[in-house]
N, C-alpha and C. Protein backbone atom coordinates (compact mmCIF):
# COMPACT_ATOMS: atom_id res chain seq x y z
N UNK A 1 -6.21 -48.97 -25.81
CA UNK A 1 -5.29 -48.71 -26.88
C UNK A 1 -4.01 -49.59 -26.61
N UNK A 2 -3.16 -50.08 -27.93
CA UNK A 2 -2.42 -50.86 -27.50
C UNK A 2 -1.07 -49.62 -27.37
N UNK A 3 -0.28 -50.64 -26.46
CA UNK A 3 1.08 -49.53 -26.05
C UNK A 3 2.14 -49.87 -27.16
N UNK A 4 2.57 -48.70 -27.15
CA UNK A 4 4.12 -48.92 -28.15
C UNK A 4 5.27 -48.28 -27.86
N UNK A 5 6.00 -49.51 -27.64
CA UNK A 5 7.59 -49.79 -26.97
C UNK A 5 8.66 -49.84 -27.76
N UNK A 6 9.78 -48.75 -27.26
CA UNK A 6 10.59 -48.50 -27.72
C UNK A 6 11.85 -48.25 -26.79
N UNK A 7 12.90 -49.33 -27.70
CA UNK A 7 14.43 -49.37 -26.57
C UNK A 7 14.95 -47.93 -26.59
N UNK A 8 15.41 -47.33 -25.68
CA UNK A 8 16.22 -46.34 -25.46
C UNK A 8 17.69 -46.55 -25.20
N UNK A 9 18.13 -47.70 -24.54
CA UNK A 9 19.58 -48.90 -24.31
C UNK A 9 19.32 -49.35 -25.03
N UNK A 10 19.53 -49.55 -26.17
CA UNK A 10 19.95 -50.13 -27.29
C UNK A 10 19.73 -51.67 -26.97
N UNK A 11 18.12 -52.30 -26.53
CA UNK A 11 17.76 -53.58 -25.51
C UNK A 11 17.88 -54.51 -27.34
N UNK A 12 18.58 -55.40 -27.01
CA UNK A 12 18.25 -56.84 -28.03
C UNK A 12 17.01 -57.43 -28.43
N UNK A 13 16.77 -57.64 -29.54
CA UNK A 13 14.72 -58.23 -29.87
C UNK A 13 14.69 -58.90 -28.45
N UNK A 14 15.72 -60.12 -28.38
CA UNK A 14 15.38 -61.22 -27.29
C UNK A 14 15.26 -60.17 -26.10
N UNK A 15 16.49 -59.44 -25.49
CA UNK A 15 15.73 -58.86 -24.49
C UNK A 15 14.42 -57.59 -24.45
N UNK A 16 13.76 -57.69 -25.66
CA UNK A 16 12.86 -56.63 -25.78
C UNK A 16 11.27 -57.51 -25.40
N UNK A 17 11.70 -59.01 -26.29
CA UNK A 17 10.83 -59.61 -25.74
C UNK A 17 10.77 -60.25 -24.42
N UNK A 18 12.10 -60.58 -23.68
CA UNK A 18 12.15 -61.13 -22.55
C UNK A 18 11.38 -60.02 -21.66
N UNK A 19 12.00 -58.82 -21.44
CA UNK A 19 11.25 -57.74 -21.01
C UNK A 19 9.73 -57.29 -21.08
N UNK A 20 9.23 -57.26 -22.41
CA UNK A 20 7.63 -57.10 -21.95
C UNK A 20 6.65 -58.26 -21.73
N UNK A 21 7.73 -59.66 -21.71
CA UNK A 21 7.04 -60.87 -20.68
C UNK A 21 7.03 -60.71 -19.39
N UNK A 22 8.01 -60.28 -19.07
CA UNK A 22 8.26 -60.12 -17.72
C UNK A 22 7.51 -59.47 -17.08
N UNK A 23 7.27 -58.03 -17.85
CA UNK A 23 6.65 -56.63 -17.53
C UNK A 23 4.74 -57.16 -17.11
N UNK A 24 4.58 -57.93 -18.42
CA UNK A 24 3.08 -58.74 -18.72
C UNK A 24 2.47 -59.51 -17.50
N UNK A 25 3.57 -60.35 -17.04
CA UNK A 25 3.62 -61.19 -16.29
C UNK A 25 3.31 -59.75 -14.90
N UNK A 26 3.93 -58.85 -14.39
CA UNK A 26 3.90 -58.37 -13.45
C UNK A 26 2.41 -57.41 -13.24
N UNK A 27 2.09 -56.80 -14.52
CA UNK A 27 1.39 -56.25 -14.40
C UNK A 27 -0.05 -57.12 -14.41
N UNK A 28 -0.21 -57.78 -14.79
CA UNK A 28 -1.40 -58.98 -14.57
C UNK A 28 -1.50 -59.41 -13.75
N UNK A 29 -0.16 -59.38 -12.82
CA UNK A 29 -0.43 -59.20 -11.04
C UNK A 29 -0.68 -58.68 -10.38
N UNK A 30 -0.18 -57.42 -10.69
CA UNK A 30 -1.12 -56.09 -10.08
C UNK A 30 -2.48 -55.51 -10.05
N UNK A 31 -2.98 -56.07 -11.32
CA UNK A 31 -4.21 -55.43 -11.45
C UNK A 31 -5.69 -56.80 -11.97
N UNK A 32 -4.79 -57.47 -11.84
CA UNK A 32 -5.85 -58.78 -12.64
C UNK A 32 -6.49 -58.69 -13.81
N UNK A 33 -5.63 -58.02 -14.74
CA UNK A 33 -6.49 -58.31 -15.86
C UNK A 33 -5.32 -58.57 -16.56
N UNK A 34 -5.90 -59.90 -17.90
CA UNK A 34 -4.67 -60.22 -18.69
C UNK A 34 -5.35 -59.56 -19.47
N UNK A 35 -4.67 -59.22 -20.72
CA UNK A 35 -4.66 -58.59 -22.18
C UNK A 35 -4.89 -60.08 -23.33
N UNK A 36 -4.28 -61.14 -22.84
CA UNK A 36 -4.49 -62.62 -23.79
C UNK A 36 -6.07 -63.22 -23.52
N UNK A 37 -6.80 -62.85 -22.64
CA UNK A 37 -8.06 -63.51 -22.19
C UNK A 37 -9.02 -62.62 -22.64
N UNK A 38 -10.14 -63.38 -23.08
CA UNK A 38 -11.19 -62.67 -23.71
C UNK A 38 -11.87 -62.11 -22.46
N UNK A 39 -12.22 -60.80 -22.54
CA UNK A 39 -12.89 -59.55 -21.51
C UNK A 39 -11.45 -59.24 -20.54
N UNK A 40 -10.36 -59.68 -20.62
CA UNK A 40 -9.20 -59.51 -19.36
C UNK A 40 -9.57 -60.46 -18.59
N UNK A 41 -9.96 -61.09 -18.45
CA UNK A 41 -10.48 -62.45 -17.38
C UNK A 41 -10.92 -61.50 -16.24
N UNK A 42 -11.40 -60.96 -16.26
CA UNK A 42 -12.11 -59.89 -15.41
C UNK A 42 -13.88 -59.51 -15.62
N UNK A 43 -14.57 -59.02 -14.14
CA UNK A 43 -16.28 -59.02 -14.64
C UNK A 43 -16.08 -57.84 -15.78
N UNK A 44 -17.36 -57.81 -16.20
CA UNK A 44 -17.01 -56.84 -17.35
C UNK A 44 -17.27 -55.56 -16.71
N UNK A 45 -17.90 -55.21 -15.75
CA UNK A 45 -17.80 -54.13 -14.78
C UNK A 45 -16.82 -53.69 -14.28
N UNK A 46 -15.76 -54.34 -13.50
CA UNK A 46 -14.58 -54.34 -14.03
C UNK A 46 -13.25 -54.18 -14.91
N UNK A 47 -13.82 -54.54 -16.34
CA UNK A 47 -13.32 -54.08 -17.35
C UNK A 47 -12.12 -52.88 -17.73
N UNK A 48 -12.64 -52.08 -17.74
CA UNK A 48 -12.16 -50.85 -17.70
C UNK A 48 -10.99 -50.18 -16.98
N UNK A 49 -11.81 -50.10 -15.82
CA UNK A 49 -10.38 -49.72 -14.45
C UNK A 49 -9.64 -50.54 -14.29
N UNK A 50 -10.15 -52.00 -14.43
CA UNK A 50 -8.67 -52.78 -14.43
C UNK A 50 -7.56 -52.84 -15.55
N UNK A 51 -8.10 -52.59 -17.07
CA UNK A 51 -7.63 -52.67 -17.99
C UNK A 51 -6.26 -51.52 -18.10
N UNK A 52 -7.13 -50.18 -17.20
CA UNK A 52 -5.87 -49.14 -17.18
C UNK A 52 -5.25 -49.33 -15.98
N UNK A 53 -5.30 -50.22 -15.48
CA UNK A 53 -4.15 -50.26 -14.17
C UNK A 53 -3.27 -50.84 -14.79
N UNK A 54 -3.58 -52.23 -15.37
CA UNK A 54 -2.58 -53.24 -16.20
C UNK A 54 -1.85 -52.36 -16.98
N UNK A 55 -2.23 -51.28 -17.86
CA UNK A 55 -1.71 -50.57 -18.70
C UNK A 55 -0.32 -49.28 -17.92
N UNK A 56 -1.48 -48.79 -16.73
CA UNK A 56 -0.29 -48.25 -16.23
C UNK A 56 0.78 -49.22 -15.23
N UNK A 57 0.37 -50.20 -15.12
CA UNK A 57 1.72 -51.43 -14.63
C UNK A 57 2.86 -51.19 -15.71
N UNK A 58 2.19 -51.80 -17.03
CA UNK A 58 2.95 -52.28 -17.93
C UNK A 58 4.01 -51.28 -18.37
N UNK A 59 3.66 -49.61 -17.88
CA UNK A 59 4.67 -48.76 -18.61
C UNK A 59 5.11 -48.01 -17.77
N UNK A 60 4.99 -48.50 -16.36
CA UNK A 60 5.81 -48.45 -15.21
C UNK A 60 6.90 -49.21 -15.35
N UNK A 61 6.60 -50.70 -15.19
CA UNK A 61 7.25 -51.69 -15.57
C UNK A 61 8.68 -51.42 -16.77
N UNK A 62 8.14 -51.08 -18.24
CA UNK A 62 8.85 -51.01 -19.27
C UNK A 62 9.97 -49.83 -19.02
N UNK A 63 9.28 -48.46 -18.51
CA UNK A 63 9.69 -47.49 -18.78
C UNK A 63 11.05 -47.64 -17.22
N UNK A 64 10.80 -48.41 -16.41
CA UNK A 64 11.78 -48.68 -15.45
C UNK A 64 12.83 -49.49 -15.91
N UNK A 65 12.64 -50.24 -17.05
CA UNK A 65 13.72 -51.04 -17.92
C UNK A 65 14.61 -50.61 -18.95
N UNK A 66 14.23 -49.11 -19.01
CA UNK A 66 14.77 -48.48 -20.02
C UNK A 66 13.99 -48.25 -21.29
N UNK A 67 13.08 -48.36 -21.13
CA UNK A 67 11.98 -48.06 -22.52
C UNK A 67 11.70 -46.75 -22.98
N UNK A 68 10.57 -45.89 -23.81
CA UNK A 68 9.67 -45.40 -23.78
C UNK A 68 8.42 -45.75 -24.66
N UNK A 69 7.38 -45.43 -23.59
CA UNK A 69 6.30 -46.21 -24.04
C UNK A 69 5.40 -45.05 -24.23
N UNK A 70 4.92 -45.57 -25.49
CA UNK A 70 3.41 -44.40 -26.05
C UNK A 70 2.25 -45.21 -25.76
C-alpha cells in the first residue's frame, strides 16, 4: 500500500519533496525494489519481500527526518 507522510516539524513543500526523493533513492538502494518500475524491478518471486523491505527503509528514513508515516 501507499505510505502517507505527514511533516511534524513544519517542513516546507519543497523540503518534503526533497526528503521523499532522497529517501526513495536510499530505500531503493537498500532493498533493490523500485516502485516506479513495473514489478518493482525485481523477479516476481522477490516482489513481496523486496517491496516490504523498501517500505521499511522509506519509513525509517522519513521518520529520521521528522515525519510521521502511516
